[in-house]
Amino acid sequence: MSRPGPDEVRAPEGPEEEAREGIGLRLDPARSGQWRLNTDPETVQRDLSRLVLTLVELLRQLVERQSIRRMEQGDLSDEQVETLGLTLMRLEEAMTDLCDRFGLSPSDLNLDLGPLGTLLPTD
């Protein structure tokens, strides 16, 4: 499945894809080809939750990587390492719970940025 170019819009191929796409962009011919935000009133809460959880997950992963870097450099005491590890584990559990509550999987949080790749690392 290829991505639409800047002047074409691909319609969702079914309800599953429509739900997965959520908030998207569409070309508005009435506005001389300007891109408009395409929202569905029925899924706006789930779509907004997906966006917020994506940002929280990005920040969680950044904090986790920074914490690992500081541990490897020896900048933290044993007590700080223990506290940080426990906090990061609880935050990951909370993210899993929130994803479950809104019917999202971790892969739903990884936005495709087109030629830039995905927002979150896929390791």
PDB file of N, CA and C in Angstrom:
ATOM      1  N   MET A   1       0.852  -1.168   0.000  1.00  0.00           N
ATOM      2  CA  MET A   1       0.000   0.000   0.000  1.00  0.00           C
ATOM      3  C   MET A   1       0.902   1.237   0.000  1.00  0.00           C
ATOM      4  N   SER A   2       0.718   2.100  -0.970  1.00  0.00           N
ATOM      5  CA  SER A   2       1.558   3.288  -1.064  1.00  0.00           C
ATOM      6  C   SER A   2       0.849   4.478  -0.439  1.00  0.00           C
ATOM      7  N   ARG A   3       1.642   5.446  -0.068  1.00  0.00           N
ATOM      8  CA  ARG A   3       1.111   6.658   0.536  1.00  0.00           C
ATOM      9  C   ARG A   3       0.694   7.615  -0.568  1.00  0.00           C
ATOM     10  N   PRO A   4      -0.370   8.393  -0.337  1.00  0.00           N
ATOM     11  CA  PRO A   4      -0.779   9.361  -1.344  1.00  0.00           C
ATOM     12  C   PRO A   4       0.246  10.472  -1.468  1.00  0.00           C
ATOM     13  N   GLY A   5       0.346  11.020  -2.665  1.00  0.00           N
ATOM     14  CA  GLY A   5       1.233  12.147  -2.899  1.00  0.00           C
ATOM     15  C   GLY A   5       0.622  13.419  -2.348  1.00  0.00           C
ATOM     16  N   PRO A   6       1.307  14.555  -2.521  1.00  0.00           N
ATOM     17  CA  PRO A   6       0.805  15.799  -1.940  1.00  0.00           C
ATOM     18  C   PRO A   6      -0.503  16.282  -2.551  1.00  0.00           C
ATOM     19  N   ASP A   7      -0.840  15.830  -3.774  1.00  0.00           N
ATOM     20  CA  ASP A   7      -2.061  16.306  -4.415  1.00  0.00           C
ATOM     21  C   ASP A   7      -3.153  15.255  -4.498  1.00  0.00           C
ATOM     22  N   GLU A   8      -2.969  14.120  -3.867  1.00  0.00           N
ATOM     23  CA  GLU A   8      -4.001  13.092  -3.929  1.00  0.00           C
ATOM     24  C   GLU A   8      -4.359  12.635  -2.528  1.00  0.00           C
ATOM     25  N   VAL A   9      -5.569  12.207  -2.372  1.00  0.00           N
ATOM     26  CA  VAL A   9      -6.043  11.716  -1.088  1.00  0.00           C
ATOM     27  C   VAL A   9      -6.582  10.322  -1.313  1.00  0.00           C
ATOM     28  N   ARG A  10      -6.139   9.381  -0.499  1.00  0.00           N
ATOM     29  CA  ARG A  10      -6.582   7.997  -0.601  1.00  0.00           C
ATOM     30  C   ARG A  10      -7.651   7.784   0.444  1.00  0.00           C
ATOM     31  N   ALA A  11      -8.784   7.264   0.026  1.00  0.00           N
ATOM     32  CA  ALA A  11      -9.877   6.979   0.958  1.00  0.00           C
ATOM     33  C   ALA A  11      -9.543   5.733   1.754  1.00  0.00           C
ATOM     34  N   PRO A  12      -9.944   5.659   3.022  1.00  0.00           N
ATOM     35  CA  PRO A  12      -9.735   4.441   3.799  1.00  0.00           C
ATOM     36  C   PRO A  12     -10.383   3.259   3.108  1.00  0.00           C
ATOM     37  N   GLU A  13      -9.717   2.108   3.169  1.00  0.00           N
ATOM     38  CA  GLU A  13     -10.189   0.923   2.465  1.00  0.00           C
ATOM     39  C   GLU A  13     -11.136   0.069   3.286  1.00  0.00           C
ATOM     40  N   GLY A  14     -11.555   0.497   4.418  1.00  0.00           N
ATOM     41  CA  GLY A  14     -12.489  -0.255   5.238  1.00  0.00           C
ATOM     42  C   GLY A  14     -12.569   0.347   6.622  1.00  0.00           C
ATOM     43  N   PRO A  15     -13.469  -0.180   7.468  1.00  0.00           N
ATOM     44  CA  PRO A  15     -13.631   0.400   8.806  1.00  0.00           C
ATOM     45  C   PRO A  15     -12.380   0.255   9.661  1.00  0.00           C
ATOM     46  N   GLU A  16     -11.615  -0.839   9.474  1.00  0.00           N
ATOM     47  CA  GLU A  16     -10.407  -1.013  10.282  1.00  0.00           C
ATOM     48  C   GLU A  16      -9.390   0.063   9.946  1.00  0.00           C
ATOM     49  N   GLU A  17      -9.188   0.288   8.636  1.00  0.00           N
ATOM     50  CA  GLU A  17      -8.224   1.298   8.243  1.00  0.00           C
ATOM     51  C   GLU A  17      -8.720   2.684   8.631  1.00  0.00           C
ATOM     52  N   GLU A  18     -10.024   2.912   8.504  1.00  0.00           N
ATOM     53  CA  GLU A  18     -10.587   4.202   8.871  1.00  0.00           C
ATOM     54  C   GLU A  18     -10.336   4.489  10.350  1.00  0.00           C
ATOM     55  N   ALA A  19     -10.531   3.497  11.200  1.00  0.00           N
ATOM     56  CA  ALA A  19     -10.292   3.673  12.635  1.00  0.00           C
ATOM     57  C   ALA A  19      -8.812   3.878  12.908  1.00  0.00           C
ATOM     58  N   ARG A  20      -7.965   3.179  12.149  1.00  0.00           N
ATOM     59  CA  ARG A  20      -6.528   3.284  12.365  1.00  0.00           C
ATOM     60  C   ARG A  20      -6.022   4.647  11.921  1.00  0.00           C
ATOM     61  N   GLU A  21      -6.577   5.171  10.835  1.00  0.00           N
ATOM     62  CA  GLU A  21      -6.131   6.450  10.315  1.00  0.00           C
ATOM     63  C   GLU A  21      -6.490   7.587  11.267  1.00  0.00           C
ATOM     64  N   GLY A  22      -7.715   7.558  11.832  1.00  0.00           N
ATOM     65  CA  GLY A  22      -8.129   8.573  12.794  1.00  0.00           C
ATOM     66  C   GLY A  22      -8.069   9.966  12.204  1.00  0.00           C
ATOM     67  N   ILE A  23      -7.387  10.849  12.897  1.00  0.00           N
ATOM     68  CA  ILE A  23      -7.247  12.213  12.418  1.00  0.00           C
ATOM     69  C   ILE A  23      -6.261  12.193  11.264  1.00  0.00           C
ATOM     70  N   GLY A  24      -6.627  12.825  10.186  1.00  0.00           N
ATOM     71  CA  GLY A  24      -5.737  12.863   9.038  1.00  0.00           C
ATOM     72  C   GLY A  24      -5.877  14.172   8.294  1.00  0.00           C
ATOM     73  N   LEU A  25      -5.130  14.292   7.233  1.00  0.00           N
ATOM     74  CA  LEU A  25      -5.194  15.477   6.403  1.00  0.00           C
ATOM     75  C   LEU A  25      -5.911  15.144   5.115  1.00  0.00           C
ATOM     76  N   ARG A  26      -6.635  16.098   4.603  1.00  0.00           N
ATOM     77  CA  ARG A  26      -7.274  15.917   3.305  1.00  0.00           C
ATOM     78  C   ARG A  26      -7.109  17.214   2.529  1.00  0.00           C
ATOM     79  N   LEU A  27      -7.080  17.085   1.228  1.00  0.00           N
ATOM     80  CA  LEU A  27      -6.966  18.239   0.358  1.00  0.00           C
ATOM     81  C   LEU A  27      -8.336  18.885   0.226  1.00  0.00           C
ATOM     82  N   ASP A  28      -8.415  20.172   0.463  1.00  0.00           N
ATOM     83  CA  ASP A  28      -9.682  20.901   0.386  1.00  0.00           C
ATOM     84  C   ASP A  28      -9.725  21.678  -0.927  1.00  0.00           C
ATOM     85  N   PRO A  29     -10.461  21.157  -1.938  1.00  0.00           N
ATOM     86  CA  PRO A  29     -10.489  21.834  -3.229  1.00  0.00           C
ATOM     87  C   PRO A  29     -11.126  23.224  -3.162  1.00  0.00           C
ATOM     88  N   ALA A  30     -12.018  23.444  -2.213  1.00  0.00           N
ATOM     89  CA  ALA A  30     -12.669  24.747  -2.080  1.00  0.00           C
ATOM     90  C   ALA A  30     -11.692  25.819  -1.601  1.00  0.00           C
ATOM     91  N   ARG A  31     -10.584  25.417  -1.036  1.00  0.00           N
ATOM     92  CA  ARG A  31      -9.607  26.369  -0.492  1.00  0.00           C
ATOM     93  C   ARG A  31      -8.324  26.352  -1.315  1.00  0.00           C
ATOM     94  N   SER A  32      -8.429  26.268  -2.624  1.00  0.00           N
ATOM     95  CA  SER A  32      -7.300  26.249  -3.561  1.00  0.00           C
ATOM     96  C   SER A  32      -6.204  25.275  -3.165  1.00  0.00           C
ATOM     97  N   GLY A  33      -6.600  24.066  -2.882  1.00  0.00           N
ATOM     98  CA  GLY A  33      -5.626  23.009  -2.641  1.00  0.00           C
ATOM     99  C   GLY A  33      -4.985  23.023  -1.269  1.00  0.00           C
ATOM    100  N   GLN A  34      -5.521  23.758  -0.310  1.00  0.00           N
ATOM    101  CA  GLN A  34      -4.953  23.758   1.037  1.00  0.00           C
ATOM    102  C   GLN A  34      -5.287  22.452   1.743  1.00  0.00           C
ATOM    103  N   TRP A  35      -4.399  22.021   2.611  1.00  0.00           N
ATOM    104  CA  TRP A  35      -4.645  20.814   3.404  1.00  0.00           C
ATOM    105  C   TRP A  35      -5.488  21.188   4.609  1.00  0.00           C
ATOM    106  N   ARG A  36      -6.475  20.358   4.914  1.00  0.00           N
ATOM    107  CA  ARG A  36      -7.374  20.580   6.042  1.00  0.00           C
ATOM    108  C   ARG A  36      -7.318  19.376   6.967  1.00  0.00           C
ATOM    109  N   LEU A  37      -7.533  19.616   8.232  1.00  0.00           N
ATOM    110  CA  LEU A  37      -7.596  18.539   9.209  1.00  0.00           C
ATOM    111  C   LEU A  37      -8.909  17.795   9.039  1.00  0.00           C
ATOM    112  N   ASN A  38      -8.834  16.476   8.914  1.00  0.00           N
ATOM    113  CA  ASN A  38     -10.018  15.645   8.712  1.00  0.00           C
ATOM    114  C   ASN A  38     -10.324  14.926  10.024  1.00  0.00           C
ATOM    115  N   THR A  39     -11.394  15.319  10.678  1.00  0.00           N
ATOM    116  CA  THR A  39     -11.757  14.681  11.942  1.00  0.00           C
ATOM    117  C   THR A  39     -13.133  14.059  11.824  1.00  0.00           C
ATOM    118  N   ASP A  40     -13.316  12.997  12.553  1.00  0.00           N
ATOM    119  CA  ASP A  40     -14.608  12.319  12.606  1.00  0.00           C
ATOM    120  C   ASP A  40     -15.158  12.535  14.009  1.00  0.00           C
ATOM    121  N   PRO A  41     -16.309  13.180  14.160  1.00  0.00           N
ATOM    122  CA  PRO A  41     -16.852  13.449  15.492  1.00  0.00           C
ATOM    123  C   PRO A  41     -17.032  12.191  16.336  1.00  0.00           C
ATOM    124  N   GLU A  42     -17.227  11.057  15.686  1.00  0.00           N
ATOM    125  CA  GLU A  42     -17.441   9.807  16.417  1.00  0.00           C
ATOM    126  C   GLU A  42     -16.150   9.287  17.057  1.00  0.00           C
ATOM    127  N   THR A  43     -14.998   9.634  16.492  1.00  0.00           N
ATOM    128  CA  THR A  43     -13.738   9.078  16.996  1.00  0.00           C
ATOM    129  C   THR A  43     -12.808  10.143  17.570  1.00  0.00           C
ATOM    130  N   VAL A  44     -13.303  11.361  17.753  1.00  0.00           N
ATOM    131  CA  VAL A  44     -12.424  12.444  18.174  1.00  0.00           C
ATOM    132  C   VAL A  44     -11.783  12.170  19.540  1.00  0.00           C
ATOM    133  N   GLN A  45     -12.515  11.581  20.485  1.00  0.00           N
ATOM    134  CA  GLN A  45     -11.935  11.305  21.804  1.00  0.00           C
ATOM    135  C   GLN A  45     -10.805  10.286  21.690  1.00  0.00           C
ATOM    136  N   ARG A  46     -11.029   9.223  20.926  1.00  0.00           N
ATOM    137  CA  ARG A  46      -9.991   8.206  20.742  1.00  0.00           C
ATOM    138  C   ARG A  46      -8.792   8.790  20.002  1.00  0.00           C
ATOM    139  N   ASP A  47      -9.047   9.615  18.989  1.00  0.00           N
ATOM    140  CA  ASP A  47      -7.965  10.212  18.210  1.00  0.00           C
ATOM    141  C   ASP A  47      -7.134  11.169  19.060  1.00  0.00           C
ATOM    142  N   LEU A  48      -7.807  11.968  19.867  1.00  0.00           N
ATOM    143  CA  LEU A  48      -7.094  12.886  20.749  1.00  0.00           C
ATOM    144  C   LEU A  48      -6.298  12.108  21.790  1.00  0.00           C
ATOM    145  N   SER A  49      -6.885  11.051  22.324  1.00  0.00           N
ATOM    146  CA  SER A  49      -6.179  10.198  23.286  1.00  0.00           C
ATOM    147  C   SER A  49      -4.938   9.595  22.644  1.00  0.00           C
ATOM    148  N   ARG A  50      -5.083   9.168  21.400  1.00  0.00           N
ATOM    149  CA  ARG A  50      -3.945   8.584  20.682  1.00  0.00           C
ATOM    150  C   ARG A  50      -2.821   9.605  20.545  1.00  0.00           C
ATOM    151  N   LEU A  51      -3.164  10.840  20.181  1.00  0.00           N
ATOM    152  CA  LEU A  51      -2.160  11.884  20.014  1.00  0.00           C
ATOM    153  C   LEU A  51      -1.467  12.199  21.339  1.00  0.00           C
ATOM    154  N   VAL A  52      -2.242  12.367  22.399  1.00  0.00           N
ATOM    155  CA  VAL A  52      -1.667  12.678  23.715  1.00  0.00           C
ATOM    156  C   VAL A  52      -0.789  11.527  24.203  1.00  0.00           C
ATOM    157  N   LEU A  53      -1.272  10.297  24.072  1.00  0.00           N
ATOM    158  CA  LEU A  53      -0.476   9.149  24.510  1.00  0.00           C
ATOM    159  C   LEU A  53       0.792   8.995  23.675  1.00  0.00           C
ATOM    160  N   THR A  54       0.734   9.357  22.407  1.00  0.00           N
ATOM    161  CA  THR A  54       1.935   9.316  21.570  1.00  0.00           C
ATOM    162  C   THR A  54       2.981  10.283  22.101  1.00  0.00           C
ATOM    163  N   LEU A  55       2.567  11.483  22.447  1.00  0.00           N
ATOM    164  CA  LEU A  55       3.510  12.466  22.993  1.00  0.00           C
ATOM    165  C   LEU A  55       4.070  12.016  24.337  1.00  0.00           C
ATOM    166  N   VAL A  56       3.209  11.461  25.190  1.00  0.00           N
ATOM    167  CA  VAL A  56       3.668  10.966  26.492  1.00  0.00           C
ATOM    168  C   VAL A  56       4.659   9.818  26.292  1.00  0.00           C
ATOM    169  N   GLU A  57       4.381   8.919  25.353  1.00  0.00           N
ATOM    170  CA  GLU A  57       5.284   7.801  25.085  1.00  0.00           C
ATOM    171  C   GLU A  57       6.622   8.301  24.553  1.00  0.00           C
ATOM    172  N   LEU A  58       6.610   9.301  23.694  1.00  0.00           N
ATOM    173  CA  LEU A  58       7.859   9.878  23.194  1.00  0.00           C
ATOM    174  C   LEU A  58       8.687  10.434  24.351  1.00  0.00           C
ATOM    175  N   LEU A  59       8.045  11.187  25.232  1.00  0.00           N
ATOM    176  CA  LEU A  59       8.751  11.741  26.392  1.00  0.00           C
ATOM    177  C   LEU A  59       9.247  10.638  27.323  1.00  0.00           C
ATOM    178  N   ARG A  60       8.444   9.601  27.522  1.00  0.00           N
ATOM    179  CA  ARG A  60       8.847   8.486  28.380  1.00  0.00           C
ATOM    180  C   ARG A  60      10.107   7.822  27.830  1.00  0.00           C
ATOM    181  N   GLN A  61      10.134   7.601  26.520  1.00  0.00           N
ATOM    182  CA  GLN A  61      11.301   6.963  25.918  1.00  0.00           C
ATOM    183  C   GLN A  61      12.539   7.855  25.988  1.00  0.00           C
ATOM    184  N   LEU A  62      12.348   9.167  25.825  1.00  0.00           N
ATOM    185  CA  LEU A  62      13.477  10.090  25.944  1.00  0.00           C
ATOM    186  C   LEU A  62      14.043  10.089  27.361  1.00  0.00           C
ATOM    187  N   VAL A  63      13.163  10.122  28.358  1.00  0.00           N
ATOM    188  CA  VAL A  63      13.604  10.091  29.760  1.00  0.00           C
ATOM    189  C   VAL A  63      14.316   8.774  30.053  1.00  0.00           C
ATOM    190  N   GLU A  64      13.786   7.679  29.529  1.00  0.00           N
ATOM    191  CA  GLU A  64      14.405   6.371  29.749  1.00  0.00           C
ATOM    192  C   GLU A  64      15.816   6.330  29.159  1.00  0.00           C
ATOM    193  N   ARG A  65      15.972   6.826  27.928  1.00  0.00           N
ATOM    194  CA  ARG A  65      17.306   6.832  27.309  1.00  0.00           C
ATOM    195  C   ARG A  65      18.275   7.732  28.064  1.00  0.00           C
ATOM    196  N   GLN A  66      17.800   8.893  28.509  1.00  0.00           N
ATOM    197  CA  GLN A  66      18.644   9.801  29.286  1.00  0.00           C
ATOM    198  C   GLN A  66      19.043   9.148  30.610  1.00  0.00           C
ATOM    199  N   SER A  67      18.123   8.449  31.233  1.00  0.00           N
ATOM    200  CA  SER A  67      18.413   7.770  32.498  1.00  0.00           C
ATOM    201  C   SER A  67      19.464   6.688  32.305  1.00  0.00           C
ATOM    202  N   ILE A  68      19.333   5.921  31.243  1.00  0.00           N
ATOM    203  CA  ILE A  68      20.315   4.867  30.956  1.00  0.00           C
ATOM    204  C   ILE A  68      21.686   5.487  30.728  1.00  0.00           C
ATOM    205  N   ARG A  69      21.731   6.582  29.985  1.00  0.00           N
ATOM    206  CA  ARG A  69      23.006   7.258  29.737  1.00  0.00           C
ATOM    207  C   ARG A  69      23.641   7.715  31.051  1.00  0.00           C
ATOM    208  N   ARG A  70      22.833   8.295  31.945  1.00  0.00           N
ATOM    209  CA  ARG A  70      23.365   8.760  33.237  1.00  0.00           C
ATOM    210  C   ARG A  70      23.828   7.593  34.102  1.00  0.00           C
ATOM    211  N   MET A  71      23.100   6.465  34.052  1.00  0.00           N
ATOM    212  CA  MET A  71      23.529   5.289  34.825  1.00  0.00           C
ATOM    213  C   MET A  71      24.859   4.763  34.305  1.00  0.00           C
ATOM    214  N   GLU A  72      24.992   4.688  32.974  1.00  0.00           N
ATOM    215  CA  GLU A  72      26.227   4.177  32.383  1.00  0.00           C
ATOM    216  C   GLU A  72      27.414   5.082  32.674  1.00  0.00           C
ATOM    217  N   GLN A  73      27.184   6.374  32.825  1.00  0.00           N
ATOM    218  CA  GLN A  73      28.256   7.311  33.145  1.00  0.00           C
ATOM    219  C   GLN A  73      28.585   7.321  34.633  1.00  0.00           C
ATOM    220  N   GLY A  74      27.761   6.677  35.430  1.00  0.00           N
ATOM    221  CA  GLY A  74      27.999   6.640  36.869  1.00  0.00           C
ATOM    222  C   GLY A  74      27.590   7.913  37.582  1.00  0.00           C
ATOM    223  N   ASP A  75      26.686   8.682  36.997  1.00  0.00           N
ATOM    224  CA  ASP A  75      26.238   9.944  37.592  1.00  0.00           C
ATOM    225  C   ASP A  75      25.237   9.756  38.727  1.00  0.00           C
ATOM    226  N   LEU A  76      24.714   8.540  38.902  1.00  0.00           N
ATOM    227  CA  LEU A  76      23.655   8.301  39.876  1.00  0.00           C
ATOM    228  C   LEU A  76      24.122   7.353  40.974  1.00  0.00           C
ATOM    229  N   SER A  77      23.612   7.582  42.169  1.00  0.00           N
ATOM    230  CA  SER A  77      23.895   6.662  43.272  1.00  0.00           C
ATOM    231  C   SER A  77      23.062   5.397  43.081  1.00  0.00           C
ATOM    232  N   ASP A  78      23.390   4.345  43.835  1.00  0.00           N
ATOM    233  CA  ASP A  78      22.622   3.101  43.749  1.00  0.00           C
ATOM    234  C   ASP A  78      21.152   3.335  44.100  1.00  0.00           C
ATOM    235  N   GLU A  79      20.917   4.176  45.097  1.00  0.00           N
ATOM    236  CA  GLU A  79      19.541   4.476  45.500  1.00  0.00           C
ATOM    237  C   GLU A  79      18.793   5.208  44.380  1.00  0.00           C
ATOM    238  N   GLN A  80      19.450   6.147  43.719  1.00  0.00           N
ATOM    239  CA  GLN A  80      18.825   6.872  42.614  1.00  0.00           C
ATOM    240  C   GLN A  80      18.527   5.939  41.442  1.00  0.00           C
ATOM    241  N   VAL A  81      19.443   5.014  41.173  1.00  0.00           N
ATOM    242  CA  VAL A  81      19.231   4.044  40.094  1.00  0.00           C
ATOM    243  C   VAL A  81      18.010   3.185  40.402  1.00  0.00           C
ATOM    244  N   GLU A  82      17.905   2.729  41.646  1.00  0.00           N
ATOM    245  CA  GLU A  82      16.766   1.900  42.059  1.00  0.00           C
ATOM    246  C   GLU A  82      15.453   2.675  41.932  1.00  0.00           C
ATOM    247  N   THR A  83      15.431   3.904  42.421  1.00  0.00           N
ATOM    248  CA  THR A  83      14.227   4.730  42.352  1.00  0.00           C
ATOM    249  C   THR A  83      13.839   5.018  40.904  1.00  0.00           C
ATOM    250  N   LEU A  84      14.824   5.347  40.101  1.00  0.00           N
ATOM    251  CA  LEU A  84      14.570   5.645  38.693  1.00  0.00           C
ATOM    252  C   LEU A  84      14.042   4.423  37.950  1.00  0.00           C
ATOM    253  N   GLY A  85      14.636   3.273  38.199  1.00  0.00           N
ATOM    254  CA  GLY A  85      14.180   2.039  37.557  1.00  0.00           C
ATOM    255  C   GLY A  85      12.739   1.718  37.917  1.00  0.00           C
ATOM    256  N   LEU A  86      12.402   1.838  39.193  1.00  0.00           N
ATOM    257  CA  LEU A  86      11.037   1.577  39.647  1.00  0.00           C
ATOM    258  C   LEU A  86      10.047   2.570  39.027  1.00  0.00           C
ATOM    259  N   THR A  87      10.432   3.830  38.982  1.00  0.00           N
ATOM    260  CA  THR A  87       9.572   4.862  38.396  1.00  0.00           C
ATOM    261  C   THR A  87       9.327   4.598  36.913  1.00  0.00           C
ATOM    262  N   LEU A  88      10.371   4.244  36.181  1.00  0.00           N
ATOM    263  CA  LEU A  88      10.223   3.975  34.750  1.00  0.00           C
ATOM    264  C   LEU A  88       9.360   2.740  34.501  1.00  0.00           C
ATOM    265  N   MET A  89       9.497   1.728  35.351  1.00  0.00           N
ATOM    266  CA  MET A  89       8.654   0.530  35.213  1.00  0.00           C
ATOM    267  C   MET A  89       7.188   0.878  35.442  1.00  0.00           C
ATOM    268  N   ARG A  90       6.919   1.672  36.470  1.00  0.00           N
ATOM    269  CA  ARG A  90       5.532   2.065  36.761  1.00  0.00           C
ATOM    270  C   ARG A  90       4.952   2.933  35.648  1.00  0.00           C
ATOM    271  N   LEU A  91       5.766   3.805  35.089  1.00  0.00           N
ATOM    272  CA  LEU A  91       5.300   4.647  33.992  1.00  0.00           C
ATOM    273  C   LEU A  91       4.971   3.800  32.764  1.00  0.00           C
ATOM    274  N   GLU A  92       5.790   2.799  32.485  1.00  0.00           N
ATOM    275  CA  GLU A  92       5.511   1.909  31.356  1.00  0.00           C
ATOM    276  C   GLU A  92       4.216   1.127  31.588  1.00  0.00           C
ATOM    277  N   GLU A  93       4.002   0.663  32.818  1.00  0.00           N
ATOM    278  CA  GLU A  93       2.752  -0.036  33.151  1.00  0.00           C
ATOM    279  C   GLU A  93       1.546   0.893  32.992  1.00  0.00           C
ATOM    280  N   ALA A  94       1.696   2.139  33.423  1.00  0.00           N
ATOM    281  CA  ALA A  94       0.602   3.109  33.297  1.00  0.00           C
ATOM    282  C   ALA A  94       0.283   3.373  31.825  1.00  0.00           C
ATOM    283  N   MET A  95       1.304   3.446  30.989  1.00  0.00           N
ATOM    284  CA  MET A  95       1.080   3.647  29.552  1.00  0.00           C
ATOM    285  C   MET A  95       0.334   2.459  28.958  1.00  0.00           C
ATOM    286  N   THR A  96       0.709   1.249  29.367  1.00  0.00           N
ATOM    287  CA  THR A  96       0.022   0.049  28.882  1.00  0.00           C
ATOM    288  C   THR A  96      -1.446   0.076  29.301  1.00  0.00           C
ATOM    289  N   ASP A  97      -1.702   0.440  30.556  1.00  0.00           N
ATOM    290  CA  ASP A  97      -3.085   0.530  31.048  1.00  0.00           C
ATOM    291  C   ASP A  97      -3.894   1.570  30.270  1.00  0.00           C
ATOM    292  N   LEU A  98      -3.296   2.734  30.017  1.00  0.00           N
ATOM    293  CA  LEU A  98      -4.002   3.781  29.276  1.00  0.00           C
ATOM    294  C   LEU A  98      -4.280   3.352  27.835  1.00  0.00           C
ATOM    295  N   CYS A  99      -3.321   2.687  27.222  1.00  0.00           N
ATOM    296  CA  CYS A  99      -3.542   2.178  25.856  1.00  0.00           C
ATOM    297  C   CYS A  99      -4.700   1.188  25.849  1.00  0.00           C
ATOM    298  N   ASP A 100      -4.728   0.295  26.834  1.00  0.00           N
ATOM    299  CA  ASP A 100      -5.823  -0.676  26.932  1.00  0.00           C
ATOM    300  C   ASP A 100      -7.163   0.032  27.117  1.00  0.00           C
ATOM    301  N   ARG A 101      -7.185   1.057  27.954  1.00  0.00           N
ATOM    302  CA  ARG A 101      -8.419   1.786  28.242  1.00  0.00           C
ATOM    303  C   ARG A 101      -9.000   2.434  26.982  1.00  0.00           C
ATOM    304  N   PHE A 102      -8.126   2.911  26.095  1.00  0.00           N
ATOM    305  CA  PHE A 102      -8.591   3.579  24.883  1.00  0.00           C
ATOM    306  C   PHE A 102      -8.555   2.676  23.657  1.00  0.00           C
ATOM    307  N   GLY A 103      -8.292   1.392  23.870  1.00  0.00           N
ATOM    308  CA  GLY A 103      -8.305   0.443  22.757  1.00  0.00           C
ATOM    309  C   GLY A 103      -7.177   0.649  21.769  1.00  0.00           C
ATOM    310  N   LEU A 104      -6.012   1.035  22.275  1.00  0.00           N
ATOM    311  CA  LEU A 104      -4.855   1.284  21.420  1.00  0.00           C
ATOM    312  C   LEU A 104      -3.769   0.261  21.703  1.00  0.00           C
ATOM    313  N   SER A 105      -2.991  -0.039  20.696  1.00  0.00           N
ATOM    314  CA  SER A 105      -1.819  -0.889  20.891  1.00  0.00           C
ATOM    315  C   SER A 105      -0.587   0.016  20.840  1.00  0.00           C
ATOM    316  N   PRO A 106       0.550  -0.451  21.344  1.00  0.00           N
ATOM    317  CA  PRO A 106       1.759   0.382  21.272  1.00  0.00           C
ATOM    318  C   PRO A 106       2.101   0.812  19.842  1.00  0.00           C
ATOM    319  N   SER A 107       1.810  -0.039  18.867  1.00  0.00           N
ATOM    320  CA  SER A 107       2.110   0.331  17.476  1.00  0.00           C
ATOM    321  C   SER A 107       1.208   1.467  16.990  1.00  0.00           C
ATOM    322  N   ASP A 108       0.026   1.629  17.595  1.00  0.00           N
ATOM    323  CA  ASP A 108      -0.861   2.738  17.226  1.00  0.00           C
ATOM    324  C   ASP A 108      -0.263   4.090  17.608  1.00  0.00           C
ATOM    325  N   LEU A 109       0.654   4.089  18.563  1.00  0.00           N
ATOM    326  CA  LEU A 109       1.241   5.337  19.042  1.00  0.00           C
ATOM    327  C   LEU A 109       2.408   5.797  18.182  1.00  0.00           C
ATOM    328  N   ASN A 110       2.882   4.949  17.290  1.00  0.00           N
ATOM    329  CA  ASN A 110       4.038   5.286  16.482  1.00  0.00           C
ATOM    330  C   ASN A 110       3.584   5.922  15.176  1.00  0.00           C
ATOM    331  N   LEU A 111       3.590   7.241  15.139  1.00  0.00           N
ATOM    332  CA  LEU A 111       3.120   7.975  13.972  1.00  0.00           C
ATOM    333  C   LEU A 111       4.108   7.851  12.821  1.00  0.00           C
ATOM    334  N   ASP A 112       3.577   7.669  11.623  1.00  0.00           N
ATOM    335  CA  ASP A 112       4.396   7.614  10.419  1.00  0.00           C
ATOM    336  C   ASP A 112       4.571   9.036   9.907  1.00  0.00           C
ATOM    337  N   LEU A 113       5.810   9.492   9.848  1.00  0.00           N
ATOM    338  CA  LEU A 113       6.102  10.853   9.416  1.00  0.00           C
ATOM    339  C   LEU A 113       6.510  10.914   7.946  1.00  0.00           C
ATOM    340  N   GLY A 114       6.070   9.930   7.182  1.00  0.00           N
ATOM    341  CA  GLY A 114       6.362   9.896   5.747  1.00  0.00           C
ATOM    342  C   GLY A 114       7.829   9.651   5.481  1.00  0.00           C
ATOM    343  N   PRO A 115       8.472  10.523   4.701  1.00  0.00           N
ATOM    344  CA  PRO A 115       9.869  10.291   4.339  1.00  0.00           C
ATOM    345  C   PRO A 115      10.828  10.361   5.533  1.00  0.00           C
ATOM    346  N   LEU A 116      10.386  10.930   6.640  1.00  0.00           N
ATOM    347  CA  LEU A 116      11.240  11.004   7.830  1.00  0.00           C
ATOM    348  C   LEU A 116      11.254   9.699   8.614  1.00  0.00           C
ATOM    349  N   GLY A 117      10.331   8.811   8.323  1.00  0.00           N
ATOM    350  CA  GLY A 117      10.224   7.552   9.061  1.00  0.00           C
ATOM    351  C   GLY A 117       9.185   7.665  10.159  1.00  0.00           C
ATOM    352  N   THR A 118       9.338   6.835  11.175  1.00  0.00           N
ATOM    353  CA  THR A 118       8.372   6.837  12.269  1.00  0.00           C
ATOM    354  C   THR A 118       8.842   7.742  13.400  1.00  0.00           C
ATOM    355  N   LEU A 119       7.895   8.215  14.195  1.00  0.00           N
ATOM    356  CA  LEU A 119       8.211   9.120  15.298  1.00  0.00           C
ATOM    357  C   LEU A 119       9.016   8.415  16.382  1.00  0.00           C
ATOM    358  N   LEU A 120       8.574   7.208  16.744  1.00  0.00           N
ATOM    359  CA  LEU A 120       9.229   6.454  17.807  1.00  0.00           C
ATOM    360  C   LEU A 120      10.156   5.409  17.205  1.00  0.00           C
ATOM    361  N   PRO A 121      11.275   5.137  17.866  1.00  0.00           N
ATOM    362  CA  PRO A 121      12.162   4.078  17.364  1.00  0.00           C
ATOM    363  C   PRO A 121      11.448   2.732  17.400  1.00  0.00           C
ATOM    364  N   THR A 122      11.764   1.871  16.454  1.00  0.00           N
ATOM    365  CA  THR A 122      11.091   0.574  16.363  1.00  0.00           C
ATOM    366  C   THR A 122      11.937  -0.558  16.918  1.00  0.00           C
ATOM    367  N   ASP A 123      12.944  -0.261  17.706  1.00  0.00           N
ATOM    368  CA  ASP A 123      13.806  -1.307  18.272  1.00  0.00           C
ATOM    369  C   ASP A 123      13.045  -2.056  19.276  1.00  0.00           C
TER     370      ASP A 123
END
